[in-house]
Amino acid sequence: MYGLVNKAVEDLVCTRFGVDVWDQIRTRAGIGVDSFISMDPYPDDVTYKLVGAASEVLGLSPATVLETFGEFWIRYTAKEGYGEMFTMFGSSLGEFLHSLDALHTHIGLSFPQLRPPTFDCEDLGDGAYLLSYFSSREGLAPMMIGLLKGLAATFDKRVEVQHVKSRADVGHDEFHIRELAASPVEPAPESTAS
């Protein structure tokens, strides 16, 4: 994976838990570099080791770490200058889900060693989708759940995501995504000043 992914893991940990916790995770993972270069490729094993070490140090399951990272990744990439792509590849969550392969083709222009996943999205109607996720990497389904939730938030939506079929069963992962009704806005408290 590219250094941008590992830098995002570092940013997530430092932002939420502090630099000292990041140093513990990096040490436990056996990562000898002090910083990652965004545009350089790193072995996938580096990222997997960071997730495993974060799970141990933070006392969270690897699935929780990956899902949290997935949501964070959306905000992080927007902050790092990739936010325009969210609107470039769709004006709604549904349009964007149907454009995921085109997005990754576009990203591949900047990251020539990218090994992106591929997707197939079926519109089920009424704000529901079935997304098939094909990846050469194992164990990233929880991250996809977080990515989908984070992506929905960029379109001012909340979603329920269910992992309905796994790679172990059918050779790829499938997710049922359902847009949730907007939360009612609570009225502002009335002023008691006279």
Protein backbone atom coordinates (compact mmCIF):
# COMPACT_ATOMS: atom_id res chain seq x y z
CA MET A 1 0.00 0.00 0.00
CA TYR A 2 1.11 3.53 -0.53
CA GLY A 3 2.60 5.61 2.27
CA LEU A 4 -0.49 7.81 2.22
CA VAL A 5 -2.42 4.96 3.88
CA ASN A 6 0.17 4.50 6.62
CA LYS A 7 0.40 8.26 7.16
CA ALA A 8 -3.37 8.27 7.64
CA VAL A 9 -3.10 5.51 10.26
CA GLU A 10 -0.48 7.62 12.04
CA ASP A 11 -2.64 10.75 11.83
CA LEU A 12 -5.68 8.89 13.20
CA VAL A 13 -3.74 7.56 16.19
CA CYS A 14 -1.93 10.84 16.93
CA THR A 15 -5.14 12.87 16.63
CA ARG A 16 -7.25 10.64 18.85
CA PHE A 17 -4.72 9.10 21.24
CA GLY A 18 -1.51 11.14 21.06
CA VAL A 19 2.01 10.83 19.71
CA ASP A 20 3.16 8.63 22.61
CA VAL A 21 0.53 6.01 21.72
CA TRP A 22 1.59 6.18 18.06
CA ASP A 23 5.21 5.55 19.13
CA GLN A 24 4.05 2.50 21.12
CA ILE A 25 2.13 1.16 18.11
CA ARG A 26 5.00 1.77 15.70
CA THR A 27 7.44 0.06 18.07
CA ARG A 28 5.14 -2.91 18.70
CA ALA A 29 4.61 -3.29 14.93
CA GLY A 30 8.39 -3.34 14.42
CA ILE A 31 8.28 -0.42 11.98
CA GLY A 32 11.72 1.15 11.75
CA VAL A 33 10.84 4.25 9.74
CA ASP A 34 10.09 7.52 11.53
CA SER A 35 7.73 8.77 8.82
CA PHE A 36 6.06 7.49 5.68
CA ILE A 37 6.31 9.11 2.26
CA SER A 38 2.82 9.46 0.77
CA MET A 39 3.73 8.64 -2.83
CA ASP A 40 6.03 5.69 -2.05
CA PRO A 41 4.71 2.12 -2.05
CA TYR A 42 5.24 -0.01 1.07
CA PRO A 43 4.63 -3.73 1.55
CA ASP A 44 1.04 -4.46 2.61
CA ASP A 45 2.51 -6.22 5.62
CA VAL A 46 3.50 -2.85 7.09
CA THR A 47 -0.12 -1.70 7.20
CA TYR A 48 -1.36 -5.03 8.56
CA LYS A 49 1.30 -4.89 11.30
CA LEU A 50 0.20 -1.36 12.23
CA VAL A 51 -3.43 -2.48 12.49
CA GLY A 52 -2.46 -5.48 14.63
CA ALA A 53 -0.30 -3.36 16.92
CA ALA A 54 -3.01 -0.69 17.20
CA SER A 55 -5.48 -3.40 18.17
CA GLU A 56 -3.18 -4.62 20.95
CA VAL A 57 -2.14 -1.20 22.27
CA LEU A 58 -5.64 0.30 22.15
CA GLY A 59 -7.45 -2.83 23.36
CA LEU A 60 -9.76 -2.81 20.33
CA SER A 61 -10.54 -5.61 17.91
CA PRO A 62 -8.76 -5.43 14.54
CA ALA A 63 -12.22 -5.07 12.93
CA THR A 64 -12.96 -2.00 15.08
CA VAL A 65 -9.58 -0.49 14.20
CA LEU A 66 -10.21 -1.06 10.48
CA GLU A 67 -13.77 0.30 10.55
CA THR A 68 -12.65 3.39 12.47
CA PHE A 69 -9.81 3.87 10.03
CA GLY A 70 -12.18 3.54 7.06
CA GLU A 71 -14.35 6.40 8.30
CA PHE A 72 -11.28 8.48 9.11
CA TRP A 73 -9.72 7.79 5.68
CA ILE A 74 -12.50 9.67 3.90
CA ARG A 75 -11.92 12.85 5.95
CA TYR A 76 -8.15 12.44 5.78
CA THR A 77 -8.00 12.13 1.99
CA ALA A 78 -10.32 15.13 1.60
CA LYS A 79 -7.97 17.14 3.84
CA GLU A 80 -4.95 15.93 1.84
CA GLY A 81 -6.35 17.40 -1.38
CA TYR A 82 -8.43 14.55 -2.77
CA GLY A 83 -11.82 15.93 -1.66
CA GLU A 84 -12.75 17.19 -5.13
CA MET A 85 -13.01 13.60 -6.30
CA PHE A 86 -16.05 13.03 -4.12
CA THR A 87 -18.07 15.42 -6.26
CA MET A 88 -16.19 14.69 -9.49
CA PHE A 89 -17.37 11.08 -9.45
CA GLY A 90 -20.93 11.62 -8.30
CA SER A 91 -23.39 14.18 -7.04
CA SER A 92 -25.04 11.63 -4.75
CA LEU A 93 -24.03 8.60 -2.77
CA GLY A 94 -25.60 6.29 -5.35
CA GLU A 95 -23.80 7.90 -8.28
CA PHE A 96 -20.52 7.73 -6.42
CA LEU A 97 -20.95 4.03 -5.58
CA HIS A 98 -21.53 3.31 -9.27
CA SER A 99 -18.34 5.24 -10.12
CA LEU A 100 -15.91 3.54 -7.71
CA ASP A 101 -13.99 1.74 -10.49
CA ALA A 102 -13.63 5.00 -12.46
CA LEU A 103 -12.39 6.73 -9.30
CA HIS A 104 -9.70 4.10 -8.77
CA THR A 105 -8.65 4.29 -12.43
CA HIS A 106 -8.23 8.05 -11.99
CA ILE A 107 -6.25 7.59 -8.76
CA GLY A 108 -4.02 5.07 -10.53
CA LEU A 109 -2.72 7.89 -12.74
CA SER A 110 -0.94 9.35 -9.70
CA PHE A 111 -0.16 6.03 -8.02
CA PRO A 112 1.13 3.75 -10.82
CA GLN A 113 1.74 0.74 -8.52
CA LEU A 114 -1.78 0.90 -7.10
CA ARG A 115 -3.55 -2.46 -6.87
CA PRO A 116 -7.10 -1.18 -6.47
CA PRO A 117 -10.16 -3.22 -5.68
CA THR A 118 -13.00 -3.42 -8.16
CA PHE A 119 -16.67 -2.95 -7.44
CA ASP A 120 -20.08 -3.80 -8.76
CA CYS A 121 -22.98 -1.74 -7.46
CA GLU A 122 -26.62 -2.71 -7.83
CA ASP A 123 -29.27 -0.09 -7.10
CA LEU A 124 -32.04 -1.77 -5.06
CA GLY A 125 -34.27 1.31 -4.95
CA ASP A 126 -35.39 3.52 -2.07
CA GLY A 127 -31.82 4.47 -1.14
CA ALA A 128 -30.57 0.87 -0.91
CA TYR A 129 -27.60 -0.64 -2.74
CA LEU A 130 -25.80 -3.95 -2.99
CA LEU A 131 -22.07 -3.37 -3.37
CA SER A 132 -19.77 -6.22 -4.38
CA TYR A 133 -16.13 -5.65 -3.41
CA PHE A 134 -13.35 -7.61 -5.14
CA SER A 135 -9.85 -7.20 -3.70
CA SER A 136 -6.54 -9.05 -3.83
CA ARG A 137 -6.12 -8.13 -0.15
CA GLU A 138 -7.76 -10.16 2.59
CA GLY A 139 -9.44 -8.99 5.76
CA LEU A 140 -10.44 -5.46 4.75
CA ALA A 141 -14.24 -5.86 4.88
CA PRO A 142 -14.46 -3.94 8.20
CA MET A 143 -12.55 -1.08 6.62
CA MET A 144 -15.07 -1.05 3.75
CA ILE A 145 -17.89 -0.64 6.28
CA GLY A 146 -16.13 2.41 7.71
CA LEU A 147 -15.36 3.78 4.25
CA LEU A 148 -19.01 3.50 3.24
CA LYS A 149 -20.18 5.27 6.40
CA GLY A 150 -17.59 8.02 5.95
CA LEU A 151 -18.45 8.37 2.28
CA ALA A 152 -22.16 8.70 3.06
CA ALA A 153 -21.34 11.50 5.50
CA THR A 154 -19.67 13.48 2.69
CA PHE A 155 -23.05 13.44 0.95
CA ASP A 156 -24.82 14.43 4.20
CA LYS A 157 -26.28 10.95 4.55
CA ARG A 158 -26.26 8.32 7.25
CA VAL A 159 -26.25 4.69 6.21
CA GLU A 160 -26.68 1.27 7.68
CA VAL A 161 -24.11 -1.13 6.24
CA GLN A 162 -24.38 -4.90 6.52
CA HIS A 163 -21.67 -7.30 5.40
CA VAL A 164 -23.98 -9.87 3.80
CA LYS A 165 -21.53 -12.18 1.99
CA SER A 166 -17.88 -12.77 2.69
CA ARG A 167 -14.89 -13.52 0.54
CA ALA A 168 -14.58 -16.90 2.27
CA ASP A 169 -18.07 -17.87 1.07
CA VAL A 170 -18.32 -16.43 -2.45
CA GLY A 171 -14.80 -15.20 -3.33
CA HIS A 172 -15.62 -11.53 -2.69
CA ASP A 173 -17.40 -9.39 -0.11
CA GLU A 174 -20.89 -8.00 -0.50
CA PHE A 175 -22.41 -5.12 1.46
CA HIS A 176 -26.02 -4.07 1.74
CA ILE A 177 -26.15 -0.29 2.13
CA ARG A 178 -29.32 1.50 3.15
CA GLU A 179 -29.66 5.25 3.48
CA LEU A 180 -31.28 6.19 6.77
CA ALA A 181 -33.83 8.93 7.26
CA ALA A 182 -32.34 12.23 8.28
CA SER A 183 -32.22 12.76 12.01
CA PRO A 184 -34.71 15.36 13.15
CA VAL A 185 -33.06 18.63 14.02
CA GLU A 186 -33.64 19.57 17.62
CA PRO A 187 -34.99 23.10 18.04
CA ALA A 188 -32.65 25.60 19.61
CA PRO A 189 -33.43 26.29 23.25
CA GLU A 190 -35.56 29.36 23.76
CA SER A 191 -33.80 32.33 25.25
CA THR A 192 -34.76 33.10 28.83
CA ALA A 193 -33.11 36.49 28.78
CA SER A 194 -35.48 39.40 29.36
